[in-house]
C-alpha atoms as a PDB file:
ATOM      1  CA  MET A   1       0.068   0.072  -0.238  1.00  0.00           C
ATOM      2  CA  ARG A   2       2.952   2.259   0.799  1.00  0.00           C
ATOM      3  CA  ILE A   3       4.504   2.034  -2.598  1.00  0.00           C
ATOM      4  CA  PHE A   4       1.281   2.897  -4.493  1.00  0.00           C
ATOM      5  CA  LEU A   5       1.200   5.941  -2.372  1.00  0.00           C
ATOM      6  CA  VAL A   6       4.380   7.084  -3.157  1.00  0.00           C
ATOM      7  CA  ALA A   7       4.060   5.945  -7.081  1.00  0.00           C
ATOM      8  CA  LEU A   8       0.697   8.126  -6.690  1.00  0.00           C
ATOM      9  CA  LEU A   9       2.700  11.030  -5.212  1.00  0.00           C
ATOM     10  CA  ALA A  10       5.606  10.592  -7.715  1.00  0.00           C
ATOM     11  CA  LEU A  11       2.873  10.632 -10.799  1.00  0.00           C
ATOM     12  CA  LEU A  12       1.342  13.709  -9.187  1.00  0.00           C
ATOM     13  CA  ILE A  13       4.658  15.480  -8.751  1.00  0.00           C
ATOM     14  CA  LEU A  14       5.717  14.623 -12.477  1.00  0.00           C
ATOM     15  CA  LEU A  15       2.219  15.950 -13.913  1.00  0.00           C
ATOM     16  CA  GLN A  16       2.555  19.090 -11.997  1.00  0.00           C
ATOM     17  CA  TYR A  17       5.953  19.652 -13.384  1.00  0.00           C
ATOM     18  CA  LYS A  18       4.659  19.060 -16.774  1.00  0.00           C
ATOM     19  CA  LEU A  19       1.962  21.416 -16.283  1.00  0.00           C
ATOM     20  CA  TRP A  20       4.049  24.487 -15.103  1.00  0.00           C
ATOM     21  CA  VAL A  21       7.235  24.136 -15.777  1.00  0.00           C
ATOM     22  CA  ASP A  22       7.898  22.171 -19.237  1.00  0.00           C
ATOM     23  CA  THR A  23       7.936  23.982 -22.283  1.00  0.00           C
ATOM     24  CA  LYS A  24       4.844  22.027 -23.253  1.00  0.00           C
ATOM     25  CA  GLY A  25       2.830  22.843 -20.503  1.00  0.00           C
ATOM     26  CA  LEU A  26       1.124  26.148 -19.187  1.00  0.00           C
ATOM     27  CA  PRO A  27       3.452  28.828 -20.383  1.00  0.00           C
ATOM     28  CA  GLN A  28       3.331  27.524 -24.057  1.00  0.00           C
ATOM     29  CA  VAL A  29      -0.446  27.706 -23.964  1.00  0.00           C
ATOM     30  CA  LEU A  30      -0.031  31.285 -22.520  1.00  0.00           C
ATOM     31  CA  ARG A  31       2.412  32.343 -25.576  1.00  0.00           C
ATOM     32  CA  LEU A  32       0.181  30.670 -28.066  1.00  0.00           C
ATOM     33  CA  LYS A  33      -2.879  32.852 -26.511  1.00  0.00           C
ATOM     34  CA  LYS A  34      -0.379  35.966 -26.731  1.00  0.00           C
ATOM     35  CA  GLN A  35       0.339  35.109 -30.580  1.00  0.00           C
ATOM     36  CA  SER A  36      -2.821  34.311 -31.490  1.00  0.00           C
ATOM     37  CA  SER A  37      -4.059  37.759 -29.892  1.00  0.00           C
ATOM     38  CA  GLN A  38      -1.568  39.592 -32.078  1.00  0.00           C
ATOM     39  CA  LEU A  39      -2.385  37.594 -35.109  1.00  0.00           C
ATOM     40  CA  GLN A  40      -6.068  38.497 -34.779  1.00  0.00           C
ATOM     41  CA  GLN A  41      -5.028  42.307 -34.115  1.00  0.00           C
ATOM     42  CA  GLN A  42      -3.101  41.756 -37.390  1.00  0.00           C
ATOM     43  CA  ASN A  43      -5.894  40.364 -39.080  1.00  0.00           C
ATOM     44  CA  GLU A  44      -8.501  43.443 -37.940  1.00  0.00           C
ATOM     45  CA  ASP A  45      -5.647  45.892 -39.421  1.00  0.00           C
ATOM     46  CA  LEU A  46      -5.668  44.323 -42.802  1.00  0.00           C
ATOM     47  CA  GLU A  47      -9.191  43.908 -42.936  1.00  0.00           C
ATOM     48  CA  LYS A  48      -9.675  47.456 -42.387  1.00  0.00           C
ATOM     49  CA  LYS A  49      -6.843  48.440 -44.973  1.00  0.00           C
ATOM     50  CA  ASN A  50      -8.475  45.706 -47.641  1.00  0.00           C
ATOM     51  CA  LYS A  51     -11.984  47.611 -47.048  1.00  0.00           C
ATOM     52  CA  ASN A  52     -10.214  50.895 -47.490  1.00  0.00           C
ATOM     53  CA  LEU A  53      -8.940  49.896 -50.992  1.00  0.00           C
ATOM     54  CA  GLN A  54     -12.074  48.371 -52.397  1.00  0.00           C
ATOM     55  CA  ASN A  55     -13.768  51.781 -51.325  1.00  0.00           C
ATOM     56  CA  GLN A  56     -11.012  53.488 -53.441  1.00  0.00           C
ATOM     57  CA  VAL A  57     -11.302  51.013 -56.404  1.00  0.00           C
ATOM     58  CA  ALA A  58     -14.973  51.652 -56.585  1.00  0.00           C
ATOM     59  CA  SER A  59     -14.921  55.127 -56.243  1.00  0.00           C
ATOM     60  CA  TYR A  60     -12.285  54.775 -59.257  1.00  0.00           C
ATOM     61  CA  ARG A  61     -14.910  53.007 -61.277  1.00  0.00           C
ATOM     62  CA  GLN A  62     -17.576  55.470 -60.730  1.00  0.00           C
ATOM     63  CA  GLY A  63     -15.869  58.569 -62.614  1.00  0.00           C
ATOM     64  CA  ASN A  64     -12.975  60.417 -63.155  1.00  0.00           C
ATOM     65  CA  GLU A  65     -13.213  63.038 -60.141  1.00  0.00           C
ATOM     66  CA  MET A  66     -11.434  60.420 -57.807  1.00  0.00           C
ATOM     67  CA  TYR A  67      -9.048  60.068 -60.636  1.00  0.00           C
ATOM     68  CA  GLU A  68      -8.486  64.422 -60.560  1.00  0.00           C
ATOM     69  CA  GLY A  69      -8.436  64.818 -56.998  1.00  0.00           C
ATOM     70  CA  HIS A  70      -5.351  62.264 -56.642  1.00  0.00           C
ATOM     71  CA  ALA A  71      -3.970  63.832 -59.398  1.00  0.00           C
ATOM     72  CA  ARG A  72      -4.349  67.181 -57.865  1.00  0.00           C
ATOM     73  CA  GLU A  73      -3.487  65.863 -54.231  1.00  0.00           C
ATOM     74  CA  ASP A  74      -0.643  63.670 -54.732  1.00  0.00           C
ATOM     75  CA  LEU A  75       0.796  64.923 -58.279  1.00  0.00           C
ATOM     76  CA  GLY A  76       0.417  68.480 -58.351  1.00  0.00           C
ATOM     77  CA  MET A  77      -1.902  68.678 -61.369  1.00  0.00           C
ATOM     78  CA  VAL A  78      -3.011  71.966 -62.649  1.00  0.00           C
ATOM     79  CA  LYS A  79      -5.625  72.409 -65.322  1.00  0.00           C
ATOM     80  CA  GLN A  80      -4.749  74.343 -68.603  1.00  0.00           C
ATOM     81  CA  ASP A  81      -5.804  78.153 -67.762  1.00  0.00           C
ATOM     82  CA  GLU A  82      -5.404  77.709 -64.359  1.00  0.00           C
ATOM     83  CA  ASP A  83      -3.224  79.611 -61.845  1.00  0.00           C
ATOM     84  CA  PHE A  84      -1.808  77.848 -59.103  1.00  0.00           C
ATOM     85  CA  TYR A  85      -0.670  79.227 -56.053  1.00  0.00           C
ATOM     86  CA  LEU A  86       2.104  77.519 -53.409  1.00  0.00           C
ATOM     87  CA  ASP A  87       1.152  78.207 -49.511  1.00  0.00           C
ATOM     88  CA  PRO A  88       4.349  78.916 -47.806  1.00  0.00           C
ATOM     89  CA  ASN A  89       3.080  77.285 -44.640  1.00  0.00           C
ATOM     90  CA  TYR A  90       1.776  74.266 -46.566  1.00  0.00           C
ATOM     91  CA  SER A  91       4.036  71.016 -45.788  1.00  0.00           C
END
């Protein structure tokens, strides 16, 4: 009977070690949860970016106004017979 109790106690200690200390125990579970939450955040950010790009594509397909706005803001487009004034405080 005494050997059986010692064996059970040894098994309990071994299992507790594996749970709390071993790299395949609780520490790995915590690392995986942290990694999972980081990946979920990245996915949410990418979904927002994709939605924004889809909206831009839809706007470009609707008409030329979006092209003109992009050309004016990003490329400095000026129409013919149009005067352009540069604000020195504009950055």
